[in-house]
Amino acid sequence: MLGIIVLSAVFVLFGLVNAKSRDIVMQETSLQKSTDKLYTDTELKLLQFFNGEGYLSQGHDERVDFMVQNIELNNKAVLDFGCGLGGPAFHLAKKHNARVIGVDVDPSLIEKANNSTQARGFISSVNFTTIHDNLLSFADATFDIIFSKESIIHVQNKQALFKELYRVLKPGGMIVIMDWFWKGWSPSQDFLQCWNFDSYGTAMHFATITEYVSFLTQAGFIDVESDDSSYLYLNDMRQELDLLYGTKGDEIRVLFDAQFLEGCIATWSSLCRMFESGEIETRLILAKKKK
C-alpha cells in the first residue's frame, strides 16, 4: 500500500538516522517506487484482526468519521491517497455517499480492494488503481476532496507530492490528512528501534509539523489547520496491548507466530512511551485550494 503502515504491528529491527534530512530511510528503494508485494497474507490477517476488515491502520470507521467531520461529502469526488485494502474508501461511499477513487503503489492490495468492491456492491461508487512514483494520471481539477490516512509519511518527496495533489484538486476543494510526525529531537532508543526498519520493508520519511505545513503552503494550499490527534493513537495502542495480554491473547497466539507477536508487543510498548514523552505525534491536517 502507499503505505498505510501498521505502526501497531512492526517487528523491531535496527538501522540509521539521516539527521540532515530527518528522514528514517530503510533502503534505497523507497515505497513510492516499489511495485513489490508489501504485506504477506499473514500480516494482512493480523492487521485486520486488530483494525477491522479492509483497514491496515488504527481507528476503523470511527477514525474516518473523525477526519471528515464537518466536511460535505455527499456525491463528491474523493481521492483516497494510500488506500490500502480500501476500508476507508468503502466507508466514505457507504456512510457519506461519496464517489471514491483509491490509489496505492502496491498492485496486490489494489487487486484485493477491487475484488472487495464487487463483493460489497460498490462497483458504481468506488474504484481502485495502482500508481507509480506518486504520479497521478487524473486530469487537473478532478476531485472535490483528497483524503489520506497515515500514508504520506512513506513519501520522501512530499513537496512534489503536494504539488501533484494540488493539481488534481478542484478550486475550492479540500485536502484532509492524518499523519505521523517527529518533533525533531535527538532520537531516543525507542525511536531508533521502532522506525529505522520494519518487517515490511517500508520507508519512513518523517517531517516535523512545521516542515509539513510549509510543504503544503509552497504547493499552493491555503487555510492550513493542524490539530493534535495523538491521544487517539495512544488509546488504540494501550487497548491493543490489553488484548494481547488479556482474554484475546490466547486466541491471537493460536493464529499468529509467537516471535512476531512478541515483536509487536515490544513495538507497541515503545510507541506508548514515545507518545507519552511527546517525541512523536499524530495530527489531523485540513487545507484548501484557492477558488
C-alpha atoms as a PDB file:
ATOM      1  CA  MET A   1       0.000   0.000   0.000  1.00  0.00           C
ATOM      2  CA  LEU A   2       1.140   3.507  -0.322  1.00  0.00           C
ATOM      3  CA  GLY A   3       1.576   2.847   2.579  1.00  0.00           C
ATOM      4  CA  ILE A   4      -0.635   2.762   5.406  1.00  0.00           C
ATOM      5  CA  ILE A   5       1.957   1.474   7.814  1.00  0.00           C
ATOM      6  CA  VAL A   6       0.989  -0.735  10.594  1.00  0.00           C
ATOM      7  CA  LEU A   7       2.571   1.179  13.325  1.00  0.00           C
ATOM      8  CA  SER A   8       0.842  -1.374  15.523  1.00  0.00           C
ATOM      9  CA  ALA A   9       2.451  -4.457  14.058  1.00  0.00           C
ATOM     10  CA  VAL A  10       6.066  -3.859  13.138  1.00  0.00           C
ATOM     11  CA  PHE A  11       8.882  -6.186  14.083  1.00  0.00           C
ATOM     12  CA  VAL A  12      11.730  -4.403  15.833  1.00  0.00           C
ATOM     13  CA  LEU A  13      14.993  -4.136  13.891  1.00  0.00           C
ATOM     14  CA  PHE A  14      17.803  -1.584  13.753  1.00  0.00           C
ATOM     15  CA  GLY A  15      19.155   0.973  11.260  1.00  0.00           C
ATOM     16  CA  LEU A  16      20.420   4.520  10.726  1.00  0.00           C
ATOM     17  CA  VAL A  17      19.081   8.034  11.199  1.00  0.00           C
ATOM     18  CA  ASN A  18      19.718  10.520   8.434  1.00  0.00           C
ATOM     19  CA  ALA A  19      19.920  13.538  10.724  1.00  0.00           C
ATOM     20  CA  LYS A  20      20.401  16.047   7.933  1.00  0.00           C
ATOM     21  CA  SER A  21      17.098  15.318   6.209  1.00  0.00           C
ATOM     22  CA  ARG A  22      15.388  13.979   9.350  1.00  0.00           C
ATOM     23  CA  ASP A  23      14.172  11.035   7.296  1.00  0.00           C
ATOM     24  CA  ILE A  24      14.166   7.471   8.506  1.00  0.00           C
ATOM     25  CA  VAL A  25      15.260   5.574   5.416  1.00  0.00           C
ATOM     26  CA  MET A  26      15.411   1.816   5.440  1.00  0.00           C
ATOM     27  CA  GLN A  27      16.570   1.032   1.949  1.00  0.00           C
ATOM     28  CA  GLU A  28      17.385   2.688  -1.348  1.00  0.00           C
ATOM     29  CA  THR A  29      14.126   1.565  -2.940  1.00  0.00           C
ATOM     30  CA  SER A  30      11.508   3.657  -1.189  1.00  0.00           C
ATOM     31  CA  LEU A  31       7.804   2.965  -1.074  1.00  0.00           C
ATOM     32  CA  GLN A  32       6.838   5.363  -3.785  1.00  0.00           C
ATOM     33  CA  LYS A  33       8.975   3.441  -6.282  1.00  0.00           C
ATOM     34  CA  SER A  34       8.088  -0.038  -5.093  1.00  0.00           C
ATOM     35  CA  THR A  35       5.775  -2.339  -7.015  1.00  0.00           C
ATOM     36  CA  ASP A  36       6.523  -5.380  -4.855  1.00  0.00           C
ATOM     37  CA  LYS A  37       4.037  -7.012  -2.544  1.00  0.00           C
ATOM     38  CA  LEU A  38       4.469  -5.122   0.729  1.00  0.00           C
ATOM     39  CA  TYR A  39       2.481  -7.409   3.034  1.00  0.00           C
ATOM     40  CA  THR A  40       2.185 -11.166   3.410  1.00  0.00           C
ATOM     41  CA  ASP A  41      -1.255 -12.672   3.766  1.00  0.00           C
ATOM     42  CA  THR A  42      -0.488 -13.421   7.423  1.00  0.00           C
ATOM     43  CA  GLU A  43       0.416  -9.800   8.080  1.00  0.00           C
ATOM     44  CA  LEU A  44      -2.763  -8.588   6.407  1.00  0.00           C
ATOM     45  CA  LYS A  45      -4.742 -11.009   8.538  1.00  0.00           C
ATOM     46  CA  LEU A  46      -3.133  -9.683  11.718  1.00  0.00           C
ATOM     47  CA  LEU A  47      -3.721  -6.056  10.816  1.00  0.00           C
ATOM     48  CA  GLN A  48      -7.376  -6.625  10.053  1.00  0.00           C
ATOM     49  CA  PHE A  49      -7.741  -8.702  13.227  1.00  0.00           C
ATOM     50  CA  PHE A  50      -6.943  -5.568  15.226  1.00  0.00           C
ATOM     51  CA  ASN A  51      -8.169  -2.808  12.916  1.00  0.00           C
ATOM     52  CA  GLY A  52     -11.194  -4.308  11.164  1.00  0.00           C
ATOM     53  CA  GLU A  53     -11.888  -5.637   7.679  1.00  0.00           C
ATOM     54  CA  GLY A  54     -10.220  -3.547   4.988  1.00  0.00           C
ATOM     55  CA  TYR A  55      -8.197  -1.478   7.477  1.00  0.00           C
ATOM     56  CA  LEU A  56      -4.406  -1.573   7.751  1.00  0.00           C
ATOM     57  CA  SER A  57      -4.213   1.252  10.282  1.00  0.00           C
ATOM     58  CA  GLN A  58      -5.976   2.002  13.516  1.00  0.00           C
ATOM     59  CA  GLY A  59      -9.342   3.544  14.264  1.00  0.00           C
ATOM     60  CA  HIS A  60     -11.670   1.777  11.798  1.00  0.00           C
ATOM     61  CA  ASP A  61     -14.767   3.678  10.571  1.00  0.00           C
ATOM     62  CA  GLU A  62     -14.823   5.958  13.603  1.00  0.00           C
ATOM     63  CA  ARG A  63     -11.401   7.415  12.768  1.00  0.00           C
ATOM     64  CA  VAL A  64     -12.501   8.124   9.207  1.00  0.00           C
ATOM     65  CA  ASP A  65     -15.588   9.930  10.535  1.00  0.00           C
ATOM     66  CA  PHE A  66     -13.363  11.902  12.890  1.00  0.00           C
ATOM     67  CA  MET A  67     -11.240  13.013   9.937  1.00  0.00           C
ATOM     68  CA  VAL A  68     -14.123  14.163   7.749  1.00  0.00           C
ATOM     69  CA  GLN A  69     -16.409  15.676  10.379  1.00  0.00           C
ATOM     70  CA  ASN A  70     -17.974  18.908   9.130  1.00  0.00           C
ATOM     71  CA  ILE A  71     -16.894  18.187   5.530  1.00  0.00           C
ATOM     72  CA  GLU A  72     -19.682  17.838   2.946  1.00  0.00           C
ATOM     73  CA  LEU A  73     -19.083  14.583   1.047  1.00  0.00           C
ATOM     74  CA  ASN A  74     -22.486  13.804  -0.466  1.00  0.00           C
ATOM     75  CA  ASN A  75     -21.938  12.956  -4.156  1.00  0.00           C
ATOM     76  CA  LYS A  76     -18.442  14.464  -4.020  1.00  0.00           C
ATOM     77  CA  ALA A  77     -15.497  13.069  -5.986  1.00  0.00           C
ATOM     78  CA  VAL A  78     -12.910  11.884  -3.440  1.00  0.00           C
ATOM     79  CA  LEU A  79      -9.343  10.694  -3.973  1.00  0.00           C
ATOM     80  CA  ASP A  80      -8.118   8.297  -1.263  1.00  0.00           C
ATOM     81  CA  PHE A  81      -4.329   8.554  -1.475  1.00  0.00           C
ATOM     82  CA  GLY A  82      -2.722   5.430   0.038  1.00  0.00           C
ATOM     83  CA  CYS A  83      -5.928   3.417   0.062  1.00  0.00           C
ATOM     84  CA  GLY A  84      -4.532   0.005   1.045  1.00  0.00           C
ATOM     85  CA  LEU A  85      -7.324  -2.589   1.132  1.00  0.00           C
ATOM     86  CA  GLY A  86      -9.979   0.091   0.767  1.00  0.00           C
ATOM     87  CA  GLY A  87     -11.644   0.165   4.188  1.00  0.00           C
ATOM     88  CA  PRO A  88     -11.817   3.974   4.439  1.00  0.00           C
ATOM     89  CA  ALA A  89     -12.940   4.321   0.811  1.00  0.00           C
ATOM     90  CA  PHE A  90     -15.837   1.899   1.296  1.00  0.00           C
ATOM     91  CA  HIS A  91     -16.903   3.732   4.426  1.00  0.00           C
ATOM     92  CA  LEU A  92     -16.786   7.122   2.711  1.00  0.00           C
ATOM     93  CA  ALA A  93     -19.011   5.744  -0.046  1.00  0.00           C
ATOM     94  CA  LYS A  94     -21.440   3.880   2.199  1.00  0.00           C
ATOM     95  CA  LYS A  95     -21.980   6.389   5.002  1.00  0.00           C
ATOM     96  CA  HIS A  96     -21.195   9.678   3.278  1.00  0.00           C
ATOM     97  CA  ASN A  97     -22.370   8.883  -0.279  1.00  0.00           C
ATOM     98  CA  ALA A  98     -19.020   9.907  -1.781  1.00  0.00           C
ATOM     99  CA  ARG A  99     -17.678   8.734  -5.137  1.00  0.00           C
ATOM    100  CA  VAL A 100     -14.203   7.435  -4.317  1.00  0.00           C
ATOM    101  CA  ILE A 101     -11.101   6.509  -6.285  1.00  0.00           C
ATOM    102  CA  GLY A 102      -8.362   4.916  -4.188  1.00  0.00           C
ATOM    103  CA  VAL A 103      -4.735   4.850  -5.282  1.00  0.00           C
ATOM    104  CA  ASP A 104      -1.787   2.869  -3.950  1.00  0.00           C
ATOM    105  CA  VAL A 105       1.627   1.646  -5.094  1.00  0.00           C
ATOM    106  CA  ASP A 106       1.038  -1.993  -4.178  1.00  0.00           C
ATOM    107  CA  PRO A 107      -0.796  -3.804  -7.005  1.00  0.00           C
ATOM    108  CA  SER A 108      -1.617  -6.796  -4.793  1.00  0.00           C
ATOM    109  CA  LEU A 109      -3.513  -4.543  -2.380  1.00  0.00           C
ATOM    110  CA  ILE A 110      -5.287  -2.835  -5.269  1.00  0.00           C
ATOM    111  CA  GLU A 111      -6.347  -6.210  -6.655  1.00  0.00           C
ATOM    112  CA  LYS A 112      -7.780  -7.238  -3.285  1.00  0.00           C
ATOM    113  CA  ALA A 113      -9.531  -3.876  -2.894  1.00  0.00           C
ATOM    114  CA  ASN A 114     -11.139  -4.126  -6.340  1.00  0.00           C
ATOM    115  CA  ASN A 115     -12.303  -7.670  -5.570  1.00  0.00           C
ATOM    116  CA  SER A 116     -13.922  -6.313  -2.408  1.00  0.00           C
ATOM    117  CA  THR A 117     -15.618  -3.614  -4.469  1.00  0.00           C
ATOM    118  CA  GLN A 118     -17.514  -6.264  -6.391  1.00  0.00           C
ATOM    119  CA  ALA A 119     -18.291  -8.337  -3.309  1.00  0.00           C
ATOM    120  CA  ARG A 120     -19.596  -5.305  -1.388  1.00  0.00           C
ATOM    121  CA  GLY A 121     -21.635  -3.948  -4.283  1.00  0.00           C
ATOM    122  CA  PHE A 122     -19.770  -0.650  -4.708  1.00  0.00           C
ATOM    123  CA  ILE A 123     -18.918  -1.016  -8.397  1.00  0.00           C
ATOM    124  CA  SER A 124     -20.517   2.293  -9.377  1.00  0.00           C
ATOM    125  CA  SER A 125     -19.134   4.379  -6.492  1.00  0.00           C
ATOM    126  CA  VAL A 126     -15.673   3.025  -5.571  1.00  0.00           C
ATOM    127  CA  ASN A 127     -12.701   2.129  -7.737  1.00  0.00           C
ATOM    128  CA  PHE A 128      -9.035   1.427  -7.062  1.00  0.00           C
ATOM    129  CA  THR A 129      -5.953   1.841  -9.224  1.00  0.00           C
ATOM    130  CA  THR A 130      -2.199   1.401  -8.909  1.00  0.00           C
ATOM    131  CA  ILE A 131       0.078   4.415  -9.223  1.00  0.00           C
ATOM    132  CA  HIS A 132       3.819   4.683  -9.835  1.00  0.00           C
ATOM    133  CA  ASP A 133       6.271   7.249  -8.447  1.00  0.00           C
ATOM    134  CA  ASN A 134       3.330   9.118  -6.888  1.00  0.00           C
ATOM    135  CA  LEU A 135       2.322  10.454 -10.296  1.00  0.00           C
ATOM    136  CA  LEU A 136      -1.417  10.691 -10.810  1.00  0.00           C
ATOM    137  CA  SER A 137      -2.983  10.034 -14.201  1.00  0.00           C
ATOM    138  CA  PHE A 138      -6.016  12.211 -13.481  1.00  0.00           C
ATOM    139  CA  ALA A 139      -6.778  15.492 -15.233  1.00  0.00           C
ATOM    140  CA  ASP A 140      -6.360  18.805 -13.464  1.00  0.00           C
ATOM    141  CA  ALA A 141      -9.170  19.720 -11.046  1.00  0.00           C
ATOM    142  CA  THR A 142     -10.716  16.225 -10.923  1.00  0.00           C
ATOM    143  CA  PHE A 143     -11.516  15.836  -7.203  1.00  0.00           C
ATOM    144  CA  ASP A 144     -13.573  17.769  -4.678  1.00  0.00           C
ATOM    145  CA  ILE A 145     -11.800  16.192  -1.707  1.00  0.00           C
ATOM    146  CA  ILE A 146      -8.427  14.496  -1.194  1.00  0.00           C
ATOM    147  CA  PHE A 147      -8.273  12.085   1.740  1.00  0.00           C
ATOM    148  CA  SER A 148      -5.135  10.410   3.098  1.00  0.00           C
ATOM    149  CA  LYS A 149      -4.818   8.391   6.295  1.00  0.00           C
ATOM    150  CA  GLU A 150      -1.303   7.634   7.573  1.00  0.00           C
ATOM    151  CA  SER A 151       0.255   7.285   4.128  1.00  0.00           C
ATOM    152  CA  ILE A 152       2.232  10.393   3.278  1.00  0.00           C
ATOM    153  CA  ILE A 153       4.795   9.569   5.968  1.00  0.00           C
ATOM    154  CA  HIS A 154       6.097   6.979   3.491  1.00  0.00           C
ATOM    155  CA  VAL A 155       6.645   9.535   0.727  1.00  0.00           C
ATOM    156  CA  GLN A 156      10.127  11.007   0.626  1.00  0.00           C
ATOM    157  CA  ASN A 157       9.480  13.941  -1.696  1.00  0.00           C
ATOM    158  CA  LYS A 158       6.472  15.464  -0.011  1.00  0.00           C
ATOM    159  CA  GLN A 159       6.885  18.781  -1.826  1.00  0.00           C
ATOM    160  CA  ALA A 160       6.402  17.107  -5.218  1.00  0.00           C
ATOM    161  CA  LEU A 161       3.504  15.021  -3.949  1.00  0.00           C
ATOM    162  CA  PHE A 162       1.616  18.020  -2.556  1.00  0.00           C
ATOM    163  CA  LYS A 163       2.022  19.850  -5.862  1.00  0.00           C
ATOM    164  CA  GLU A 164       0.547  16.823  -7.649  1.00  0.00           C
ATOM    165  CA  LEU A 165      -2.344  16.586  -5.193  1.00  0.00           C
ATOM    166  CA  TYR A 166      -2.954  20.307  -5.535  1.00  0.00           C
ATOM    167  CA  ARG A 167      -3.100  19.884  -9.318  1.00  0.00           C
ATOM    168  CA  VAL A 168      -5.871  17.258  -9.278  1.00  0.00           C
ATOM    169  CA  LEU A 169      -7.929  19.071  -6.617  1.00  0.00           C
ATOM    170  CA  LYS A 170     -10.720  21.354  -7.802  1.00  0.00           C
ATOM    171  CA  PRO A 171     -10.575  25.070  -6.962  1.00  0.00           C
ATOM    172  CA  GLY A 172     -12.152  25.479  -3.535  1.00  0.00           C
ATOM    173  CA  GLY A 173     -11.571  21.795  -2.779  1.00  0.00           C
ATOM    174  CA  MET A 174     -10.190  20.445   0.488  1.00  0.00           C
ATOM    175  CA  ILE A 175      -7.427  18.056   1.487  1.00  0.00           C
ATOM    176  CA  VAL A 176      -7.740  16.122   4.754  1.00  0.00           C
ATOM    177  CA  ILE A 177      -4.744  14.203   6.101  1.00  0.00           C
ATOM    178  CA  MET A 178      -3.995  12.130   9.185  1.00  0.00           C
ATOM    179  CA  ASP A 179      -0.270  11.531   9.547  1.00  0.00           C
ATOM    180  CA  TRP A 180       2.640  10.857  11.882  1.00  0.00           C
ATOM    181  CA  PHE A 181       5.236  13.446  12.892  1.00  0.00           C
ATOM    182  CA  TRP A 182       8.538  13.635  14.703  1.00  0.00           C
ATOM    183  CA  LYS A 183       9.316  16.558  16.964  1.00  0.00           C
ATOM    184  CA  GLY A 184      12.841  16.763  15.540  1.00  0.00           C
ATOM    185  CA  TRP A 185      14.518  15.911  18.824  1.00  0.00           C
ATOM    186  CA  SER A 186      17.654  13.839  19.171  1.00  0.00           C
ATOM    187  CA  PRO A 187      16.105  10.383  18.626  1.00  0.00           C
ATOM    188  CA  SER A 188      15.567   8.125  21.613  1.00  0.00           C
ATOM    189  CA  GLN A 189      16.456   4.437  21.633  1.00  0.00           C
ATOM    190  CA  ASP A 190      12.767   3.638  21.288  1.00  0.00           C
ATOM    191  CA  PHE A 191      12.624   5.770  18.151  1.00  0.00           C
ATOM    192  CA  LEU A 192      15.661   4.079  16.611  1.00  0.00           C
ATOM    193  CA  GLN A 193      14.323   0.620  17.326  1.00  0.00           C
ATOM    194  CA  CYS A 194      10.829   1.220  16.007  1.00  0.00           C
ATOM    195  CA  TRP A 195      11.393   3.212  12.863  1.00  0.00           C
ATOM    196  CA  ASN A 196      14.694   2.599  11.250  1.00  0.00           C
ATOM    197  CA  PHE A 197      13.386  -0.696   9.948  1.00  0.00           C
ATOM    198  CA  ASP A 198      10.114  -2.550   9.978  1.00  0.00           C
ATOM    199  CA  SER A 199       9.177  -6.034   8.882  1.00  0.00           C
ATOM    200  CA  TYR A 200       7.508  -4.927   5.642  1.00  0.00           C
ATOM    201  CA  GLY A 201      10.451  -3.074   4.085  1.00  0.00           C
ATOM    202  CA  THR A 202       8.540   0.202   4.006  1.00  0.00           C
ATOM    203  CA  ALA A 203      10.390   3.504   4.198  1.00  0.00           C
ATOM    204  CA  MET A 204       9.564   6.077   6.855  1.00  0.00           C
ATOM    205  CA  HIS A 205      10.196   9.707   5.923  1.00  0.00           C
ATOM    206  CA  PHE A 206       9.387  11.776   8.980  1.00  0.00           C
ATOM    207  CA  ALA A 207       8.874  15.527   8.948  1.00  0.00           C
ATOM    208  CA  THR A 208       8.050  17.974  11.689  1.00  0.00           C
ATOM    209  CA  ILE A 209       4.647  19.627  11.562  1.00  0.00           C
ATOM    210  CA  THR A 210       6.335  22.940  10.733  1.00  0.00           C
ATOM    211  CA  GLU A 211       8.040  21.399   7.700  1.00  0.00           C
ATOM    212  CA  TYR A 212       4.826  19.663   6.623  1.00  0.00           C
ATOM    213  CA  VAL A 213       2.759  22.846   6.733  1.00  0.00           C
ATOM    214  CA  SER A 214       5.482  24.649   4.799  1.00  0.00           C
ATOM    215  CA  PHE A 215       5.370  21.996   2.063  1.00  0.00           C
ATOM    216  CA  LEU A 216       1.594  22.389   1.785  1.00  0.00           C
ATOM    217  CA  THR A 217       1.716  26.182   1.531  1.00  0.00           C
ATOM    218  CA  GLN A 218       4.542  26.031  -1.005  1.00  0.00           C
ATOM    219  CA  ALA A 219       2.321  23.791  -3.156  1.00  0.00           C
ATOM    220  CA  GLY A 220      -0.400  26.469  -3.057  1.00  0.00           C
ATOM    221  CA  PHE A 221      -2.712  25.267  -0.279  1.00  0.00           C
ATOM    222  CA  ILE A 222      -4.313  27.878   1.955  1.00  0.00           C
ATOM    223  CA  ASP A 223      -6.091  27.941   5.321  1.00  0.00           C
ATOM    224  CA  VAL A 224      -3.940  25.115   6.669  1.00  0.00           C
ATOM    225  CA  GLU A 225      -5.190  23.822  10.034  1.00  0.00           C
ATOM    226  CA  SER A 226      -3.491  21.277  12.268  1.00  0.00           C
ATOM    227  CA  ASP A 227      -4.891  19.529  15.358  1.00  0.00           C
ATOM    228  CA  ASP A 228      -3.154  17.032  17.634  1.00  0.00           C
ATOM    229  CA  SER A 229      -4.758  13.567  17.470  1.00  0.00           C
ATOM    230  CA  SER A 230      -2.066  11.690  19.390  1.00  0.00           C
ATOM    231  CA  TYR A 231      -4.406  10.790  22.238  1.00  0.00           C
ATOM    232  CA  LEU A 232      -6.465   8.642  19.870  1.00  0.00           C
ATOM    233  CA  TYR A 233      -3.495   6.527  18.845  1.00  0.00           C
ATOM    234  CA  LEU A 234      -2.119   6.225  22.347  1.00  0.00           C
ATOM    235  CA  ASN A 235      -5.500   4.873  23.442  1.00  0.00           C
ATOM    236  CA  ASP A 236      -5.519   2.468  20.468  1.00  0.00           C
ATOM    237  CA  MET A 237      -2.126   1.035  21.354  1.00  0.00           C
ATOM    238  CA  ARG A 238      -2.954   0.666  25.028  1.00  0.00           C
ATOM    239  CA  GLN A 239      -6.134  -1.213  24.126  1.00  0.00           C
ATOM    240  CA  GLU A 240      -4.249  -3.494  21.740  1.00  0.00           C
ATOM    241  CA  LEU A 241      -1.664  -4.292  24.407  1.00  0.00           C
ATOM    242  CA  ASP A 242      -4.520  -5.114  26.766  1.00  0.00           C
ATOM    243  CA  LEU A 243      -5.918  -7.506  24.159  1.00  0.00           C
ATOM    244  CA  LEU A 244      -2.584  -9.257  23.745  1.00  0.00           C
ATOM    245  CA  TYR A 245      -2.147  -9.666  27.476  1.00  0.00           C
ATOM    246  CA  GLY A 246      -5.818 -10.290  28.210  1.00  0.00           C
ATOM    247  CA  THR A 247      -8.623 -12.538  27.040  1.00  0.00           C
ATOM    248  CA  LYS A 248      -7.726 -12.257  23.343  1.00  0.00           C
ATOM    249  CA  GLY A 249      -4.092 -13.177  23.925  1.00  0.00           C
ATOM    250  CA  ASP A 250      -4.541 -16.945  23.680  1.00  0.00           C
ATOM    251  CA  GLU A 251      -6.691 -16.608  20.560  1.00  0.00           C
ATOM    252  CA  ILE A 252      -4.126 -14.367  18.873  1.00  0.00           C
ATOM    253  CA  ARG A 253      -1.244 -16.688  19.718  1.00  0.00           C
ATOM    254  CA  VAL A 254      -3.040 -19.599  18.090  1.00  0.00           C
ATOM    255  CA  LEU A 255      -3.429 -17.618  14.879  1.00  0.00           C
ATOM    256  CA  PHE A 256      -0.010 -15.954  14.621  1.00  0.00           C
ATOM    257  CA  ASP A 257       3.668 -16.660  15.132  1.00  0.00           C
ATOM    258  CA  ALA A 258       4.761 -16.122  18.731  1.00  0.00           C
ATOM    259  CA  GLN A 259       8.054 -14.397  17.871  1.00  0.00           C
ATOM    260  CA  PHE A 260       6.304 -11.933  15.583  1.00  0.00           C
ATOM    261  CA  LEU A 261       3.755 -11.131  18.282  1.00  0.00           C
ATOM    262  CA  GLU A 262       6.500 -10.532  20.831  1.00  0.00           C
ATOM    263  CA  GLY A 263       7.975  -8.032  18.393  1.00  0.00           C
ATOM    264  CA  CYS A 264       4.579  -6.352  18.178  1.00  0.00           C
ATOM    265  CA  ILE A 265       4.346  -6.101  21.954  1.00  0.00           C
ATOM    266  CA  ALA A 266       7.813  -4.552  22.170  1.00  0.00           C
ATOM    267  CA  THR A 267       6.966  -2.028  19.464  1.00  0.00           C
ATOM    268  CA  TRP A 268       3.590  -1.075  20.961  1.00  0.00           C
ATOM    269  CA  SER A 269       5.277  -0.500  24.294  1.00  0.00           C
ATOM    270  CA  SER A 270       7.897   1.733  22.679  1.00  0.00           C
ATOM    271  CA  LEU A 271       5.231   3.681  20.815  1.00  0.00           C
ATOM    272  CA  CYS A 272       3.332   4.320  24.030  1.00  0.00           C
ATOM    273  CA  ARG A 273       6.467   5.687  25.667  1.00  0.00           C
ATOM    274  CA  MET A 274       7.190   7.984  22.703  1.00  0.00           C
ATOM    275  CA  PHE A 275       3.657   9.364  22.633  1.00  0.00           C
ATOM    276  CA  GLU A 276       3.735   9.888  26.370  1.00  0.00           C
ATOM    277  CA  SER A 277       7.057  11.767  26.162  1.00  0.00           C
ATOM    278  CA  GLY A 278       5.895  13.843  23.189  1.00  0.00           C
ATOM    279  CA  GLU A 279       8.687  12.638  20.906  1.00  0.00           C
ATOM    280  CA  ILE A 280       6.166  11.624  18.245  1.00  0.00           C
ATOM    281  CA  GLU A 281       2.642  12.732  17.486  1.00  0.00           C
ATOM    282  CA  THR A 282      -0.199  12.266  15.042  1.00  0.00           C
ATOM    283  CA  ARG A 283      -2.097  15.217  13.665  1.00  0.00           C
ATOM    284  CA  LEU A 284      -5.199  15.902  11.598  1.00  0.00           C
ATOM    285  CA  ILE A 285      -4.497  18.446   8.865  1.00  0.00           C
ATOM    286  CA  LEU A 286      -7.028  20.327   6.756  1.00  0.00           C
ATOM    287  CA  ALA A 287      -6.219  22.705   3.914  1.00  0.00           C
ATOM    288  CA  LYS A 288      -7.946  24.198   0.880  1.00  0.00           C
ATOM    289  CA  LYS A 289      -7.198  25.086  -2.712  1.00  0.00           C
ATOM    290  CA  LYS A 290      -7.893  28.640  -3.742  1.00  0.00           C
ATOM    291  CA  LYS A 291     -11.163  29.161  -5.619  1.00  0.00           C
END
